[in-house]
């Protein structure tokens, strides 16, 4: 009698019910392990601003293809500033030199508070001189590597 009672209390396991549960469990475990592996990889391979592998670099250029006329007397000259290095930057300063109608050089200083690695920002310089006469030139004057980026 006791043998019959024990078999009645145990539900029969179905192979069909266990297979989807096992697949779902192992797929979830795989996703979680892959996520932790990726985060650990990024934590150990990301270049820190203080490391010897840090290569801060900024490029600035006039985007002559996007120059536009605002009205009869004003032109908008787009300037693109790109962080081409492998660390975040802050306090990026750019000087744009143009020539006025009278031929005198005019300087415009642009400042960008933050540029992430690989990011770019656009700014516009407005002048009364047509771009072919203004002959805009762009120079990066200063930048700093960002401290404590991503919790370093």
C-alpha atoms as a PDB file:
ATOM      1  CA  UNK A   1       0.000   0.000   0.000  1.00  0.00           C
ATOM      2  CA  UNK A   2       2.661   2.461   0.815  1.00  0.00           C
ATOM      3  CA  UNK A   3       4.163   1.979  -2.647  1.00  0.00           C
ATOM      4  CA  UNK A   4       0.884   2.888  -4.303  1.00  0.00           C
ATOM      5  CA  UNK A   5       0.475   6.000  -2.184  1.00  0.00           C
ATOM      6  CA  UNK A   6       3.943   7.336  -3.101  1.00  0.00           C
ATOM      7  CA  UNK A   7       3.324   6.928  -6.802  1.00  0.00           C
ATOM      8  CA  UNK A   8       0.040   8.822  -6.551  1.00  0.00           C
ATOM      9  CA  UNK A   9       1.690  11.830  -4.847  1.00  0.00           C
ATOM     10  CA  UNK A  10       4.391  12.240  -7.524  1.00  0.00           C
ATOM     11  CA  UNK A  11       3.202  13.949 -10.693  1.00  0.00           C
ATOM     12  CA  UNK A  12       4.468  12.399 -13.862  1.00  0.00           C
ATOM     13  CA  UNK A  13       7.152  14.485 -15.573  1.00  0.00           C
ATOM     14  CA  UNK A  14       6.574  14.998 -19.201  1.00  0.00           C
ATOM     15  CA  UNK A  15       9.568  15.173 -21.505  1.00  0.00           C
ATOM     16  CA  UNK A  16       7.715  17.678 -23.649  1.00  0.00           C
ATOM     17  CA  UNK A  17       7.197  20.113 -20.755  1.00  0.00           C
ATOM     18  CA  UNK A  18      10.805  19.912 -19.574  1.00  0.00           C
ATOM     19  CA  UNK A  19      12.439  20.605 -22.954  1.00  0.00           C
ATOM     20  CA  UNK A  20      11.063  24.174 -23.480  1.00  0.00           C
ATOM     21  CA  UNK A  21      11.849  25.057 -19.882  1.00  0.00           C
ATOM     22  CA  UNK A  22      15.421  23.834 -20.245  1.00  0.00           C
ATOM     23  CA  UNK A  23      15.928  25.670 -23.550  1.00  0.00           C
ATOM     24  CA  UNK A  24      14.542  28.901 -22.067  1.00  0.00           C
ATOM     25  CA  UNK A  25      16.694  28.553 -18.950  1.00  0.00           C
ATOM     26  CA  UNK A  26      19.938  27.961 -20.851  1.00  0.00           C
ATOM     27  CA  UNK A  27      19.187  30.696 -23.379  1.00  0.00           C
ATOM     28  CA  UNK A  28      18.645  33.141 -20.496  1.00  0.00           C
ATOM     29  CA  UNK A  29      21.867  32.028 -18.814  1.00  0.00           C
ATOM     30  CA  UNK A  30      23.744  32.478 -22.100  1.00  0.00           C
ATOM     31  CA  UNK A  31      22.397  36.024 -22.564  1.00  0.00           C
ATOM     32  CA  UNK A  32      23.307  37.051 -19.010  1.00  0.00           C
ATOM     33  CA  UNK A  33      26.822  35.560 -19.263  1.00  0.00           C
ATOM     34  CA  UNK A  34      27.375  37.251 -22.640  1.00  0.00           C
ATOM     35  CA  UNK A  35      26.276  40.610 -21.211  1.00  0.00           C
ATOM     36  CA  UNK A  36      28.623  40.342 -18.232  1.00  0.00           C
ATOM     37  CA  UNK A  37      31.438  39.221 -20.518  1.00  0.00           C
ATOM     38  CA  UNK A  38      30.930  42.213 -22.817  1.00  0.00           C
ATOM     39  CA  UNK A  39      30.844  44.652 -19.882  1.00  0.00           C
ATOM     40  CA  UNK A  40      34.015  43.151 -18.408  1.00  0.00           C
ATOM     41  CA  UNK A  41      35.740  43.318 -21.808  1.00  0.00           C
ATOM     42  CA  UNK A  42      34.844  47.012 -22.211  1.00  0.00           C
ATOM     43  CA  UNK A  43      35.969  47.787 -18.666  1.00  0.00           C
ATOM     44  CA  UNK A  44      39.426  46.317 -19.219  1.00  0.00           C
ATOM     45  CA  UNK A  45      40.031  47.403 -22.819  1.00  0.00           C
ATOM     46  CA  UNK A  46      38.690  50.967 -22.828  1.00  0.00           C
ATOM     47  CA  UNK A  47      41.466  53.541 -22.950  1.00  0.00           C
ATOM     48  CA  UNK A  48      41.629  55.728 -19.884  1.00  0.00           C
ATOM     49  CA  UNK A  49      42.539  59.437 -20.263  1.00  0.00           C
ATOM     50  CA  UNK A  50      45.628  59.041 -18.048  1.00  0.00           C
ATOM     51  CA  UNK A  51      46.982  55.943 -19.787  1.00  0.00           C
ATOM     52  CA  UNK A  52      49.901  55.930 -22.199  1.00  0.00           C
ATOM     53  CA  UNK A  53      47.586  54.588 -24.939  1.00  0.00           C
ATOM     54  CA  UNK A  54      45.372  57.679 -24.801  1.00  0.00           C
ATOM     55  CA  UNK A  55      45.570  59.526 -28.099  1.00  0.00           C
ATOM     56  CA  UNK A  56      43.513  62.716 -27.880  1.00  0.00           C
ATOM     57  CA  UNK A  57      42.973  64.336 -31.248  1.00  0.00           C
ATOM     58  CA  UNK A  58      40.615  66.969 -32.627  1.00  0.00           C
ATOM     59  CA  UNK A  59      40.043  67.911 -36.246  1.00  0.00           C
ATOM     60  CA  UNK A  60      38.156  70.971 -37.437  1.00  0.00           C
ATOM     61  CA  UNK A  61      37.195  71.782 -40.993  1.00  0.00           C
ATOM     62  CA  UNK A  62      35.003  74.040 -43.048  1.00  0.00           C
ATOM     63  CA  UNK A  63      32.183  72.073 -44.636  1.00  0.00           C
ATOM     64  CA  UNK A  64      32.127  73.980 -47.930  1.00  0.00           C
ATOM     65  CA  UNK A  65      29.458  71.704 -49.412  1.00  0.00           C
ATOM     66  CA  UNK A  66      26.898  73.009 -46.897  1.00  0.00           C
ATOM     67  CA  UNK A  67      27.636  76.744 -47.135  1.00  0.00           C
ATOM     68  CA  UNK A  68      24.393  78.638 -47.462  1.00  0.00           C
ATOM     69  CA  UNK A  69      23.107  82.127 -48.000  1.00  0.00           C
ATOM     70  CA  UNK A  70      20.927  83.310 -45.118  1.00  0.00           C
ATOM     71  CA  UNK A  71      19.602  86.461 -46.787  1.00  0.00           C
ATOM     72  CA  UNK A  72      20.854  89.045 -49.268  1.00  0.00           C
ATOM     73  CA  UNK A  73      23.748  90.142 -47.052  1.00  0.00           C
ATOM     74  CA  UNK A  74      24.686  87.159 -44.845  1.00  0.00           C
ATOM     75  CA  UNK A  75      26.300  83.785 -45.459  1.00  0.00           C
ATOM     76  CA  UNK A  76      26.365  80.827 -43.046  1.00  0.00           C
ATOM     77  CA  UNK A  77      29.634  78.886 -43.098  1.00  0.00           C
ATOM     78  CA  UNK A  78      29.410  75.484 -41.359  1.00  0.00           C
ATOM     79  CA  UNK A  79      32.328  74.311 -39.221  1.00  0.00           C
ATOM     80  CA  UNK A  80      32.590  70.639 -38.234  1.00  0.00           C
ATOM     81  CA  UNK A  81      34.664  69.715 -35.176  1.00  0.00           C
ATOM     82  CA  UNK A  82      35.383  66.000 -34.665  1.00  0.00           C
ATOM     83  CA  UNK A  83      36.986  64.161 -31.773  1.00  0.00           C
ATOM     84  CA  UNK A  84      39.137  61.782 -33.809  1.00  0.00           C
ATOM     85  CA  UNK A  85      40.958  60.455 -30.737  1.00  0.00           C
ATOM     86  CA  UNK A  86      40.118  57.574 -28.450  1.00  0.00           C
ATOM     87  CA  UNK A  87      39.262  59.504 -25.245  1.00  0.00           C
ATOM     88  CA  UNK A  88      36.493  61.995 -24.406  1.00  0.00           C
ATOM     89  CA  UNK A  89      37.474  65.666 -24.566  1.00  0.00           C
ATOM     90  CA  UNK A  90      36.239  68.814 -22.875  1.00  0.00           C
ATOM     91  CA  UNK A  91      36.753  72.542 -23.336  1.00  0.00           C
ATOM     92  CA  UNK A  92      37.556  72.284 -27.049  1.00  0.00           C
ATOM     93  CA  UNK A  93      38.372  75.708 -28.521  1.00  0.00           C
ATOM     94  CA  UNK A  94      38.413  76.463 -32.243  1.00  0.00           C
ATOM     95  CA  UNK A  95      39.359  79.691 -33.986  1.00  0.00           C
ATOM     96  CA  UNK A  96      37.769  80.556 -37.342  1.00  0.00           C
ATOM     97  CA  UNK A  97      39.476  83.238 -39.416  1.00  0.00           C
ATOM     98  CA  UNK A  98      37.591  84.947 -42.246  1.00  0.00           C
ATOM     99  CA  UNK A  99      38.239  87.995 -44.388  1.00  0.00           C
ATOM    100  CA  UNK A 100      35.716  90.816 -44.428  1.00  0.00           C
ATOM    101  CA  UNK A 101      34.559  92.921 -47.341  1.00  0.00           C
ATOM    102  CA  UNK A 102      37.391  95.341 -46.590  1.00  0.00           C
ATOM    103  CA  UNK A 103      39.977  92.530 -46.730  1.00  0.00           C
ATOM    104  CA  UNK A 104      40.726  92.589 -42.989  1.00  0.00           C
ATOM    105  CA  UNK A 105      40.927  89.306 -41.126  1.00  0.00           C
ATOM    106  CA  UNK A 106      38.245  88.611 -38.551  1.00  0.00           C
ATOM    107  CA  UNK A 107      38.584  85.936 -35.903  1.00  0.00           C
ATOM    108  CA  UNK A 108      35.710  84.056 -34.322  1.00  0.00           C
ATOM    109  CA  UNK A 109      36.307  81.754 -31.367  1.00  0.00           C
ATOM    110  CA  UNK A 110      34.083  78.723 -30.882  1.00  0.00           C
ATOM    111  CA  UNK A 111      33.965  76.641 -27.698  1.00  0.00           C
ATOM    112  CA  UNK A 112      32.603  73.130 -27.192  1.00  0.00           C
ATOM    113  CA  UNK A 113      32.117  71.926 -23.624  1.00  0.00           C
ATOM    114  CA  UNK A 114      32.299  68.182 -24.329  1.00  0.00           C
ATOM    115  CA  UNK A 115      33.080  65.878 -27.243  1.00  0.00           C
ATOM    116  CA  UNK A 116      32.734  62.130 -26.743  1.00  0.00           C
ATOM    117  CA  UNK A 117      35.234  59.862 -28.473  1.00  0.00           C
ATOM    118  CA  UNK A 118      34.378  59.697 -32.161  1.00  0.00           C
ATOM    119  CA  UNK A 119      31.689  62.399 -31.864  1.00  0.00           C
ATOM    120  CA  UNK A 120      31.398  65.507 -33.986  1.00  0.00           C
ATOM    121  CA  UNK A 121      29.652  68.836 -33.558  1.00  0.00           C
ATOM    122  CA  UNK A 122      28.652  71.462 -36.094  1.00  0.00           C
ATOM    123  CA  UNK A 123      28.664  75.227 -35.672  1.00  0.00           C
ATOM    124  CA  UNK A 124      27.976  78.057 -38.077  1.00  0.00           C
ATOM    125  CA  UNK A 125      29.895  81.270 -38.573  1.00  0.00           C
ATOM    126  CA  UNK A 126      27.888  84.081 -40.140  1.00  0.00           C
ATOM    127  CA  UNK A 127      29.672  86.547 -42.393  1.00  0.00           C
ATOM    128  CA  UNK A 128      28.681  89.322 -44.775  1.00  0.00           C
ATOM    129  CA  UNK A 129      31.282  88.191 -47.277  1.00  0.00           C
ATOM    130  CA  UNK A 130      30.695  85.376 -49.757  1.00  0.00           C
ATOM    131  CA  UNK A 131      32.626  82.226 -48.750  1.00  0.00           C
ATOM    132  CA  UNK A 132      34.921  82.346 -51.786  1.00  0.00           C
ATOM    133  CA  UNK A 133      35.989  85.858 -50.740  1.00  0.00           C
ATOM    134  CA  UNK A 134      35.927  85.216 -46.980  1.00  0.00           C
ATOM    135  CA  UNK A 135      38.327  82.261 -47.382  1.00  0.00           C
ATOM    136  CA  UNK A 136      37.525  80.713 -43.980  1.00  0.00           C
ATOM    137  CA  UNK A 137      40.313  78.913 -42.130  1.00  0.00           C
ATOM    138  CA  UNK A 138      39.858  76.799 -39.015  1.00  0.00           C
ATOM    139  CA  UNK A 139      42.387  75.984 -36.281  1.00  0.00           C
ATOM    140  CA  UNK A 140      41.969  74.023 -33.050  1.00  0.00           C
ATOM    141  CA  UNK A 141      43.481  76.204 -30.322  1.00  0.00           C
ATOM    142  CA  UNK A 142      42.987  74.101 -27.170  1.00  0.00           C
ATOM    143  CA  UNK A 143      41.352  71.030 -25.651  1.00  0.00           C
ATOM    144  CA  UNK A 144      41.555  68.900 -22.501  1.00  0.00           C
ATOM    145  CA  UNK A 145      41.085  65.204 -21.917  1.00  0.00           C
ATOM    146  CA  UNK A 146      38.116  64.611 -19.708  1.00  0.00           C
ATOM    147  CA  UNK A 147      38.846  63.377 -16.194  1.00  0.00           C
ATOM    148  CA  UNK A 148      36.576  60.842 -14.551  1.00  0.00           C
ATOM    149  CA  UNK A 149      34.994  59.839 -17.843  1.00  0.00           C
ATOM    150  CA  UNK A 150      32.987  56.629 -17.410  1.00  0.00           C
ATOM    151  CA  UNK A 151      33.934  56.453 -13.747  1.00  0.00           C
ATOM    152  CA  UNK A 152      37.729  56.321 -14.168  1.00  0.00           C
END
